[in-house]
Protein backbone atom coordinates (compact mmCIF):
# COMPACT_ATOMS: atom_id res chain seq x y z
CA MET A 1 124.74 95.29 113.83
CA PRO A 2 127.29 96.75 111.14
CA GLU A 3 130.11 94.28 110.45
CA GLY A 4 133.71 95.79 110.53
CA PRO A 5 137.10 94.22 110.64
CA PRO A 6 137.89 92.60 114.02
CA ARG A 7 138.75 95.15 117.04
CA ALA A 8 141.41 92.51 117.90
CA VAL A 9 143.28 93.63 114.92
CA PRO A 10 143.65 97.48 114.95
CA ASP A 11 146.54 97.35 112.51
CA LEU A 12 145.02 97.08 108.87
CA ASP A 13 148.57 96.22 107.52
CA SER A 14 149.06 93.30 109.77
CA TYR A 15 145.61 92.24 109.11
CA SER A 16 146.24 92.57 105.30
CA VAL A 17 149.29 90.33 105.62
CA ARG A 18 147.11 87.75 107.35
CA LEU A 19 144.45 87.90 104.63
CA ARG A 20 147.33 87.57 101.87
CA ARG A 21 148.80 84.39 103.49
CA LEU A 22 145.06 82.86 103.54
CA HIS A 23 144.81 83.58 99.75
CA GLU A 24 148.12 82.18 98.99
CA SER A 25 147.22 78.90 100.79
CA GLY A 26 144.13 79.02 98.89
CA PRO A 27 140.59 80.20 100.59
CA ALA A 28 139.55 76.26 100.91
CA GLY A 29 143.11 75.18 101.66
CA VAL A 30 144.93 74.19 104.86
CA ARG A 31 145.07 77.21 107.25
CA PRO A 32 147.72 78.02 109.73
CA ALA A 33 146.54 78.01 113.20
CA GLY A 34 145.00 81.42 114.17
CA GLU A 35 144.79 82.78 110.58
CA ALA A 36 141.01 82.09 109.81
CA PRO A 37 139.30 85.31 108.73
CA ARG A 38 136.39 86.74 110.82
CA SER A 39 133.33 84.26 110.66
CA LEU A 40 131.26 86.67 108.36
CA ILE A 41 134.15 86.47 105.81
CA SER A 42 134.44 82.52 106.07
CA ALA A 43 130.98 82.21 105.63
CA SER A 44 130.88 84.34 102.65
CA TRP A 45 133.94 82.63 100.95
CA ARG A 46 132.24 79.31 101.56
CA ARG A 47 128.94 80.47 99.82
CA SER A 48 130.95 82.07 96.92
CA LEU A 49 133.36 78.89 96.41
CA GLU A 50 130.13 76.65 96.34
CA ALA A 51 128.72 78.97 93.81
CA GLY A 52 131.56 78.47 91.66
CA ILE A 53 133.52 81.77 91.90
CA ASP A 54 137.07 81.90 90.57
CA PRO A 55 139.32 84.14 92.64
CA GLU A 56 141.04 85.04 89.54
CA ALA A 57 138.28 86.56 87.72
CA PRO A 58 139.06 89.69 86.34
CA SER A 59 136.02 91.52 86.95
CA ALA A 60 132.14 91.48 87.72
CA PRO A 61 129.99 90.24 84.88
CA LEU A 62 127.74 92.37 83.00
CA ALA A 63 124.09 91.72 83.65
CA VAL A 64 122.27 94.55 81.81
CA GLU A 65 123.43 96.28 78.70
CA GLN A 66 124.00 99.91 78.80
CA GLN A 67 121.24 100.80 76.46
CA ASP A 68 118.93 99.05 78.79
CA ILE A 69 120.10 100.35 82.21
CA ARG A 70 117.97 103.32 82.22
CA GLU A 71 114.70 101.31 81.51
CA VAL A 72 115.60 98.80 84.15
CA ARG A 73 116.27 101.58 86.74
CA SER A 74 113.20 103.43 86.17
CA ALA A 75 110.95 100.46 86.55
CA HIS A 76 112.47 99.33 89.90
CA PRO A 77 111.22 100.58 93.11
CA MET A 78 114.60 101.96 94.15
CA SER A 79 114.30 104.53 91.41
CA ALA A 80 111.89 106.49 93.35
CA LEU A 81 114.45 106.58 96.37
CA LEU A 82 117.44 107.84 94.34
CA PRO A 83 116.98 111.32 95.04
CA LEU A 84 116.77 110.69 98.77
CA ILE A 85 120.09 108.47 98.69
CA THR A 86 122.03 110.74 96.55
CA GLY A 87 121.00 113.84 98.39
CA THR A 88 122.14 112.17 101.61
CA LEU A 89 125.72 110.46 100.47
CA LEU A 90 126.64 111.73 96.88
CA GLU A 91 128.41 114.89 98.26
CA THR A 92 130.27 112.95 100.84
CA ALA A 93 131.39 110.56 98.41
CA GLU A 94 132.64 112.94 96.07
CA ALA A 95 134.57 114.85 98.63
CA SER A 96 136.26 111.70 99.92
CA ALA A 97 137.13 110.29 96.49
CA HIS A 98 134.79 107.45 96.81
CA VAL A 99 131.97 106.14 94.57
CA LEU A 100 128.47 105.80 95.62
CA ILE A 101 126.53 102.75 94.25
CA VAL A 102 122.75 101.56 94.21
CA ALA A 103 121.99 98.05 93.38
CA ASP A 104 118.95 95.90 93.25
CA ALA A 105 118.28 92.93 95.39
CA ASP A 106 120.17 90.64 93.09
CA GLY A 107 123.37 93.00 93.36
CA ARG A 108 122.87 94.49 89.93
CA VAL A 109 123.98 97.99 89.80
CA LEU A 110 121.41 100.51 88.98
CA TRP A 111 123.15 103.94 89.60
CA ARG A 112 126.55 105.02 90.41
CA GLY A 113 128.22 108.19 91.10
CA GLY A 114 131.05 110.08 92.89
CA ASP A 115 134.81 110.90 92.14
CA ARG A 116 135.56 110.77 88.46
CA ARG A 117 138.85 109.44 89.20
CA VAL A 118 137.96 106.64 91.27
CA MET A 119 135.04 105.82 89.04
CA GLY A 120 137.53 105.48 86.16
CA ARG A 121 139.34 102.80 88.17
CA ALA A 122 136.23 101.35 89.26
CA ASP A 123 135.25 100.60 85.57
CA GLU A 124 138.20 98.33 85.31
CA VAL A 125 136.58 95.92 87.62
CA GLY A 126 132.68 96.36 86.54
CA LEU A 127 131.89 98.51 89.60
CA ALA A 128 129.61 100.40 87.26
CA ASP A 129 125.97 100.58 86.10
CA GLY A 130 124.64 97.13 84.96
CA PHE A 131 127.15 95.02 86.36
CA HIS A 132 126.60 92.17 88.76
CA TRP A 133 127.81 92.29 92.14
CA GLY A 134 125.86 89.40 94.02
CA GLU A 135 127.96 86.77 95.72
CA ASP A 136 127.15 84.33 93.12
CA ALA A 137 128.41 86.52 90.50
CA ILE A 138 131.77 87.97 91.86
CA GLY A 139 132.10 86.46 95.34
CA THR A 140 132.59 88.22 98.77
CA ASN A 141 132.10 91.99 98.39
CA GLY A 142 130.02 94.64 100.36
CA MET A 143 126.95 94.68 98.12
CA GLY A 144 126.65 90.88 97.64
CA THR A 145 127.48 90.02 101.33
CA ALA A 146 125.04 92.78 102.70
CA LEU A 147 122.39 91.39 100.45
CA ALA A 148 123.15 87.65 101.58
CA ILE A 149 123.10 88.37 105.40
CA ARG A 150 120.59 91.37 105.18
CA ARG A 151 122.62 93.56 107.53
CA PRO A 152 125.47 96.32 106.87
CA VAL A 153 128.81 95.25 106.30
CA HIS A 154 132.26 96.57 105.67
CA ILE A 155 134.55 94.26 103.48
CA PHE A 156 138.22 95.49 103.59
CA SER A 157 140.70 94.74 100.90
CA ALA A 158 142.03 90.98 100.85
CA GLU A 159 138.50 90.02 102.38
CA HIS A 160 137.23 89.93 98.91
CA LEU A 161 137.55 86.48 97.69
CA VAL A 162 138.50 87.72 94.04
CA ARG A 163 142.10 88.97 94.05
CA VAL A 164 141.43 91.77 91.65
CA LEU A 165 139.37 93.54 94.09
CA HIS A 166 141.92 93.58 97.02
CA VAL A 167 142.81 97.17 96.20
CA TRP A 168 139.18 98.14 97.08
CA SER A 169 137.36 98.24 100.25
CA CYS A 170 133.49 98.70 100.38
CA SER A 171 130.65 99.47 103.02
CA ALA A 172 127.12 98.59 101.88
CA ALA A 173 123.75 98.29 103.64
CA PRO A 174 120.56 96.46 102.42
CA ILE A 175 117.18 98.40 102.09
CA VAL A 176 114.31 96.11 103.34
CA ASP A 177 110.78 97.10 102.19
CA PRO A 178 108.54 97.34 105.49
CA ASP A 179 105.55 96.29 103.39
CA SER A 180 106.64 93.18 101.80
CA GLY A 181 109.49 92.19 104.27
CA GLU A 182 111.75 91.70 101.10
CA VAL A 183 115.09 93.13 100.30
CA LEU A 184 114.69 96.04 97.66
CA GLY A 185 118.27 96.51 97.04
CA CYS A 186 121.40 97.92 98.80
CA ILE A 187 123.49 100.99 99.15
CA ASP A 188 127.32 100.90 98.94
CA ILE A 189 130.35 103.14 99.23
CA SER A 190 133.52 101.86 97.73
CA GLY A 191 137.05 103.27 97.69
CA THR A 192 140.75 102.24 97.43
CA THR A 193 141.86 100.48 100.71
CA ARG A 194 143.71 103.47 102.07
CA ALA A 195 140.84 105.87 101.21
CA LEU A 196 137.92 104.18 102.77
CA HIS A 197 137.32 104.24 106.44
CA PRO A 198 135.66 101.19 108.12
CA ALA A 199 133.34 103.65 109.95
CA THR A 200 131.78 104.14 106.37
CA VAL A 201 129.67 101.45 107.14
CA ALA A 202 127.77 103.18 109.85
CA LEU A 203 126.92 106.05 107.21
CA VAL A 204 125.58 103.74 104.82
CA GLY A 205 123.76 101.84 107.38
CA THR A 206 122.03 105.12 108.87
CA THR A 207 121.13 106.20 105.38
CA ALA A 208 119.47 102.61 104.57
CA ARG A 209 117.42 103.22 107.79
CA LEU A 210 116.46 106.63 106.70
CA VAL A 211 115.22 105.21 103.31
CA GLU A 212 113.41 102.46 105.10
CA SER A 213 111.59 105.09 107.39
CA HIS A 214 110.54 107.09 104.22
CA LEU A 215 109.14 103.70 102.88
CA ALA A 216 107.47 103.26 106.13
CA LEU A 217 105.63 106.43 105.99
CA ARG A 218 104.38 105.81 102.29
CA MET A 219 103.21 102.42 103.30
CA ARG A 220 101.14 103.90 106.25
CA GLU A 221 99.42 106.45 103.90
CA ARG A 222 98.61 103.52 101.75
CA ASP A 223 97.28 101.70 104.55
CA ASP A 224 95.12 104.64 105.57
CA LEU A 225 93.78 104.89 102.09
CA PHE A 226 93.23 101.30 101.78
CA ARG A 227 91.17 101.19 105.12
CA ALA A 228 89.14 104.26 104.05
CA ARG A 229 88.24 102.66 100.83
CA GLN A 230 87.70 99.13 101.86
CA ASP A 231 86.57 99.23 105.34
CA SER A 232 82.94 98.93 104.12
CA HIS A 233 83.60 95.32 103.25
CA LEU A 234 84.32 94.54 106.89
CA ARG A 235 80.99 96.00 108.05
CA THR A 236 79.39 93.52 105.42
CA LEU A 237 80.26 90.73 107.72
CA ARG A 238 77.72 91.87 110.22
CA GLY A 239 80.12 91.09 113.20
CA GLU A 240 81.53 87.95 111.81
CA PRO A 241 85.17 87.80 112.28
CA GLY A 242 87.21 89.52 109.36
CA ALA A 243 90.30 91.62 108.60
CA LEU A 244 91.58 93.74 105.70
CA VAL A 245 94.97 92.33 104.38
CA THR A 246 97.21 94.37 101.93
CA ALA A 247 98.34 92.56 98.60
CA THR A 248 101.75 91.74 100.56
CA GLY A 249 99.70 89.89 103.32
CA ARG A 250 99.78 92.45 106.18
CA VAL A 251 96.87 92.68 108.28
CA VAL A 252 95.84 96.40 108.42
CA ALA A 253 92.39 96.38 109.94
CA GLY A 254 90.21 93.74 111.91
CA ASP A 255 89.60 92.14 115.20
CA ARG A 256 93.30 91.68 116.64
CA ALA A 257 91.69 89.24 119.05
CA GLN A 258 91.07 86.70 116.58
CA GLY A 259 94.86 85.96 116.28
CA TRP A 260 95.27 86.92 112.63
CA GLY A 261 98.89 88.14 113.54
CA TYR A 262 100.66 90.93 111.81
CA ARG A 263 101.00 89.07 108.48
CA VAL A 264 99.40 86.19 106.84
CA ARG A 265 100.80 84.06 104.28
CA LEU A 266 99.14 84.59 100.88
CA PRO A 267 98.61 81.44 98.87
CA GLU A 268 100.60 80.78 95.72
CA SER A 269 97.42 79.98 94.14
CA GLY A 270 93.58 79.88 95.16
CA GLU A 271 92.13 81.88 97.84
CA ARG A 272 91.96 79.76 100.93
CA VAL A 273 94.48 80.24 103.65
CA LEU A 274 95.32 78.28 106.86
CA LEU A 275 95.69 80.58 109.82
CA PRO A 276 98.61 79.83 112.60
CA ASP A 277 96.02 78.28 114.94
CA GLY A 278 94.94 75.79 112.15
CA ARG A 279 91.45 77.60 111.32
CA ALA A 280 90.81 77.88 107.55
CA ALA A 281 90.13 81.38 106.34
CA PHE A 282 89.36 82.69 102.90
CA LEU A 283 90.51 85.66 101.03
CA ASP A 284 88.12 87.76 98.99
CA PRO A 285 90.06 90.00 96.42
CA LEU A 286 89.54 93.76 96.74
CA GLY A 287 91.77 95.04 94.11
CA GLU A 288 94.43 96.53 96.12
CA GLY A 289 94.12 93.86 98.97
CA PHE A 290 91.85 91.29 100.40
CA LEU A 291 88.94 90.78 102.86
CA LEU A 292 90.04 87.96 105.17
CA ARG A 293 87.23 86.05 106.87
CA LEU A 294 86.50 82.72 108.36
CA GLY A 295 85.31 79.78 106.25
CA ASP A 296 86.50 77.85 103.48
CA ARG A 297 83.91 78.68 100.54
CA PRO A 298 84.00 81.98 98.43
CA ARG A 299 81.08 84.44 98.88
CA VAL A 300 79.54 85.81 96.01
CA PRO A 301 78.88 89.60 96.67
CA VAL A 302 75.67 91.23 95.75
CA LEU A 303 75.71 94.74 93.98
CA SER A 304 72.52 96.63 93.92
CA LEU A 305 71.96 99.60 91.57
CA SER A 306 69.17 102.35 91.75
CA PHE A 307 69.59 104.14 88.52
CA LEU A 308 65.97 104.82 87.65
CA GLY A 309 64.71 108.57 87.91
CA THR A 310 67.54 109.99 90.09
CA GLU A 311 70.38 112.46 89.56
CA HIS A 312 72.28 110.89 92.17
CA PRO A 313 72.37 107.12 91.14
CA SER A 314 73.59 104.94 93.99
CA ALA A 315 75.30 101.50 94.28
CA ARG A 316 75.59 99.28 97.28
CA LEU A 317 78.03 96.41 97.57
CA ASP A 318 76.60 93.78 99.97
CA GLY A 319 74.47 96.64 101.47
CA VAL A 320 77.22 99.02 101.84
CA ARG A 321 76.95 102.25 99.74
CA VAL A 322 79.60 102.88 97.12
CA PRO A 323 80.21 106.42 95.77
CA LEU A 324 79.65 106.59 92.17
CA SER A 325 80.68 109.36 89.57
CA PRO A 326 78.32 109.72 86.65
CA ARG A 327 80.75 107.90 84.30
CA HIS A 328 81.04 105.06 86.73
CA ALA A 329 77.37 104.73 86.77
CA ASP A 330 77.46 104.62 83.06
CA ILE A 331 79.90 101.84 82.91
CA LEU A 332 77.78 99.74 85.61
CA ALA A 333 74.62 100.39 83.63
CA LEU A 334 76.23 98.89 80.41
CA LEU A 335 77.94 96.03 82.19
CA ALA A 336 74.64 95.11 83.82
CA LEU A 337 73.03 95.24 80.51
CA ASN A 338 75.57 93.07 78.91
CA PRO A 339 76.31 90.17 81.42
CA HIS A 340 78.66 88.44 78.94
CA GLY A 341 81.00 91.22 79.13
CA MET A 342 82.26 94.03 76.66
CA THR A 343 85.69 94.68 75.16
CA THR A 344 87.44 97.94 75.51
CA ASP A 345 86.60 99.26 72.19
CA GLN A 346 82.75 98.16 72.61
CA LEU A 347 82.71 99.81 76.01
CA SER A 348 84.39 102.81 74.71
CA PHE A 349 82.08 103.29 71.79
CA HIS A 350 78.79 102.92 74.00
CA LEU A 351 80.26 105.57 76.23
CA TYR A 352 81.48 107.89 74.05
CA GLY A 353 80.60 107.13 70.52
CA ASP A 354 82.96 107.72 67.96
CA GLU A 355 85.12 110.15 69.95
CA GLY A 356 85.88 107.41 72.69
CA ASN A 357 89.31 105.92 73.28
CA SER A 358 90.39 102.89 74.96
CA VAL A 359 93.03 104.67 77.17
CA THR A 360 90.24 106.59 78.75
CA VAL A 361 88.02 103.53 79.15
CA ARG A 362 90.98 101.68 80.85
CA ALA A 363 91.77 104.38 83.43
CA GLU A 364 87.99 104.82 84.32
CA ILE A 365 87.86 101.01 84.73
CA HIS A 366 90.99 101.14 86.96
CA ARG A 367 89.24 103.76 89.32
CA LEU A 368 86.03 101.80 89.55
CA ARG A 369 87.82 98.77 90.42
CA ALA A 370 89.42 100.82 93.31
CA ARG A 371 85.99 100.93 94.74
CA LEU A 372 84.57 97.61 93.54
CA GLY A 373 87.51 95.29 93.52
CA PRO A 374 87.27 92.07 91.57
CA THR A 375 83.38 92.39 91.04
CA VAL A 376 84.37 94.23 87.83
CA ALA A 377 86.55 91.70 85.81
CA ALA A 378 88.59 92.13 82.60
CA LYS A 379 89.14 90.45 79.35
CA PRO A 380 86.34 91.19 78.75
CA TYR A 381 85.03 93.85 81.09
CA ARG A 382 82.18 92.14 82.98
CA LEU A 383 80.30 92.12 86.43
CA THR A 384 81.37 88.90 88.55
CA CYS A 385 78.66 89.41 91.22
CA VAL A 386 74.96 89.10 91.71
CA VAL A 387 73.51 92.18 90.34
CA GLU A 388 70.23 93.71 91.34
CA ALA A 389 68.97 96.62 89.55
CA ASP A 390 65.86 98.60 89.34
CA PHE A 391 66.22 99.06 85.51
CA LEU A 392 66.99 95.30 85.24
CA ASP A 393 63.88 94.48 87.10
CA LEU A 394 61.67 96.77 85.04
CA LYS A 395 62.90 95.12 81.69
CA ARG A 396 61.78 91.76 83.12
CA LEU A 397 58.24 93.28 84.12
CA LEU A 398 57.94 94.67 80.65
CA ALA A 399 57.91 91.04 79.35
CA THR A 400 54.56 90.59 81.31
CA GLU A 401 51.08 92.40 80.92
CA ASP A 402 51.08 93.53 84.50
CA ALA A 403 50.78 97.37 83.90
CA GLY A 404 50.38 97.83 87.55
CA ALA A 405 53.54 96.31 88.41
CA ILE A 406 55.35 98.12 85.57
CA VAL A 407 54.22 101.49 86.83
CA ARG A 408 55.29 100.82 90.26
CA ALA A 409 58.77 99.60 89.25
CA TYR A 410 59.27 102.67 86.94
CA GLY A 411 60.90 104.96 89.10
CA GLY A 412 61.69 107.62 85.92
CA PRO A 413 64.19 107.69 83.13
CA LEU A 414 67.31 105.65 83.45
CA LEU A 415 70.30 107.84 84.45
CA PRO A 416 68.26 111.03 83.22
CA ARG A 417 71.67 113.14 83.06
CA SER A 418 73.63 110.61 81.11
CA GLU A 419 74.86 111.51 77.67
CA ALA A 420 76.44 108.02 76.88
CA PRO A 421 74.81 107.18 73.39
CA ALA A 422 74.30 103.46 74.41
CA VAL A 423 72.57 104.82 77.90
CA ARG A 424 70.44 107.19 76.06
CA ARG A 425 69.13 104.59 73.60
CA GLU A 426 68.35 102.32 76.58
CA ARG A 427 66.46 105.12 78.52
CA GLU A 428 64.40 106.15 75.47
CA GLU A 429 63.58 102.32 74.78
CA LEU A 430 62.48 101.72 78.41
CA GLU A 431 60.38 104.73 78.58
CA GLY A 432 58.56 104.05 75.32
CA GLN A 433 57.91 100.57 76.45
CA VAL A 434 56.42 101.63 79.77
CA ARG A 435 54.22 104.05 78.02
CA ALA A 436 53.17 101.78 75.49
CA ARG A 437 52.19 99.18 77.99
CA LEU A 438 50.29 101.61 79.96
CA LEU A 439 48.23 102.96 77.15
CA LEU A 440 47.47 99.47 76.10
CA ARG A 441 46.60 97.63 79.25
CA GLY A 442 46.99 100.37 82.08
CA ALA A 443 43.88 100.87 84.46
CA PRO A 444 42.98 104.48 85.45
CA GLU A 445 44.96 104.05 88.82
CA ASP A 446 48.17 102.86 86.60
CA LEU A 447 47.82 105.73 84.31
CA TRP A 448 47.60 108.27 87.18
CA ALA A 449 50.33 106.85 89.10
CA TYR A 450 52.36 107.24 85.89
CA ALA A 451 51.38 111.05 85.47
CA GLY A 452 51.97 111.67 89.19
CA ALA A 453 55.69 111.98 88.90
CA GLU A 454 57.37 115.22 87.74
CA HIS A 455 58.95 113.95 84.63
CA THR A 456 55.49 112.52 83.38
CA ARG A 457 53.01 115.00 84.55
CA ASN A 458 52.61 116.64 81.27
CA ASP A 459 52.49 113.61 78.98
CA ILE A 460 49.48 114.51 76.67
CA GLN A 461 48.69 110.81 75.73
CA ILE A 462 48.49 109.61 79.34
CA LEU A 463 46.30 112.83 80.18
CA GLU A 464 44.02 112.18 77.36
CA ARG A 465 43.55 108.53 78.30
CA LEU A 466 42.74 109.55 81.77
CA VAL A 467 39.86 111.96 80.59
CA ALA A 468 38.64 109.49 78.18
CA THR A 469 38.26 106.59 80.70
CA LEU A 470 37.41 108.39 83.94
CA PRO A 471 33.89 109.97 84.89
CA ALA A 472 33.87 113.64 84.44
CA ASP A 473 33.67 114.41 88.05
CA ASP A 474 36.54 112.10 89.05
CA HIS A 475 39.02 114.31 90.60
CA ARG A 476 41.80 112.65 88.47
CA ALA A 477 39.90 113.64 85.34
CA VAL A 478 39.50 117.16 86.57
CA ALA A 479 43.42 117.30 87.08
CA ALA A 480 44.09 115.97 83.81
CA ARG A 481 41.88 118.42 81.85
CA ILE A 482 43.41 121.28 83.70
CA ARG A 483 47.06 120.01 82.66
CA LEU A 484 45.63 119.72 79.09
CA ASP A 485 44.20 123.29 79.23
CA ASP A 486 47.64 124.62 80.49
CA LEU A 487 49.30 122.88 77.70
CA GLY A 488 46.91 124.25 75.28
CA MET A 489 45.18 121.13 74.48
CA SER A 490 41.66 122.16 75.48
CA ARG A 491 39.58 120.97 72.46
CA PRO A 492 37.30 117.86 73.06
CA VAL A 493 38.67 114.49 73.73
CA THR A 494 36.84 111.72 72.08
CA GLY A 495 37.27 107.98 72.58
CA ASP A 496 40.51 106.47 72.60
CA ARG A 497 42.53 109.20 70.27
CA VAL A 498 46.03 108.91 71.16
CA ARG A 499 48.24 111.92 70.11
CA PRO A 500 51.94 110.82 69.14
CA ARG A 501 53.74 113.02 71.76
CA HIS A 502 54.00 114.40 75.22
CA VAL A 503 55.46 117.46 76.62
CA PRO A 504 58.44 116.85 79.02
CA THR A 505 58.65 119.33 82.01
CA GLY A 506 62.34 118.83 82.89
CA ASP A 507 65.70 118.44 81.47
CA ARG A 508 66.28 115.01 80.24
């Protein structure tokens, strides 16, 4: 609940006299009976004096130089909330000769606005951008005390520990991030003692709750997106207990009956956590959060890639399909082919050639990690999971002499629509090696299987080899001769003559 002057003292003049007597005897000195301030102020004075605050300090200290305040403000989460705060309170502050202040969690003033005359007086005590108003910097005051006790307060006149602030009164309310549970900062309205009504604390408190409601709405939107992107990881557990946890430790999906609670305490280092009931659990990073699962050992994910002979390449992480853009397929192909990793410049060149740039690569990697999480590591870029890929299987088979296994593994060109220079080179090399193995060691059934695909049905060298090695009345030899006739290659074929080219039928 907001704190204001005691109801038992409706006369602010008499209350001010009592406070002045306390200051004259010293905030920590001997107090006459019945002269103690309200408990909130007593506690704040005690904290302030223990922090070494001098009641005769001339003003709040400067914490951020004026040339830096804009950068500090723009980098703070409260920056995005300023339009909401000022749209709610600034007009009221200006009309009532007050100043409106927004400070960060440490009490540093990020922004100030309001009545110009009052702001001129505020400059004298450091009630301005960049100055530090935490209790440990300037003692009891609206902003510092609200941040210290995490609830709205009204600090009246001589309730301030520092004497130079006795002409001021202020009402402040903290803003708590519903995601992390941490204080982001506070809102303050300050004015001269006679100008500021104690009810102002209700106004700033209501505005703070409005801001927190806005933050909660944005948090729920992020949660929905997180669940949509990462829910597949829960399914990979195949019924084993698990939950999705945000980067701030909130549990947003999973079996509530397991007793995860609303929030888990994330470890400062490592990925092992201890649940409230004493069970051990493990956090698998997902880029924007974690997969929480029972157990105390890390699980190595498996990434499966099907990139041969398809215009719609697919990827599966632990059996769950992951949608891929063509560029992300290119990146995964290159990282799979370079297991030791690639620098930003190397990846850029292999993807785009001389026209590439590192900014584009970093943006693509960021989007890819949103889908695959930490399986894509950085510095250098590399895959940290087990990789199963049809084109890697094919490369291993090419080191053998098993033409039958090679033709069965060759589903077609690697990412046939890719224009990435390195992918094109790899595609051409794989195709050339497959054809060379078949022409050298392939049995008729292997040659026929290769010629049965749409992208290889008009390969002249393969067709000529079929005609040369099969009986003339074999249906495969007949089909091969018909295709050669259609291609204008109807002259007799002798022996093992091999032509240096083949005629493709599709766009490669």
